[in-house]
């Protein structure tokens, strides 16, 4: 497992920010080969999300269409990429907090 971890490299098509996320996760979590596919896709969706957010920031939530104002198509990409990231996050098991951290996550006092 250790040799496999050391050999793993982030996909070449990731942005620098996504590569940093990939490296941080792969160094701190035990991820097997099938899990690495999920991590790769999570990071690709991160890049897509960032590009779509930049498009919305540049041109606004609404854009001119044939019949007047309409939703910027990048809004759907933001939604879809966010959902895909969350699905991969959950598939990797990262939505499950260790027992001692449950209270911290939900702001409960002991």
Foldseek 3Di string as FASTA:
>chain_A
DVVVLVPDAADPPADPVLRVVLNVCSVPDDADPVLNVLSNLLSVLVVQLVVLVVVCVVQNQWDQDPVGIDGDPSVVSNVVSVVSNVVSCVVSVVVDDPPVCPCVVVVHDD
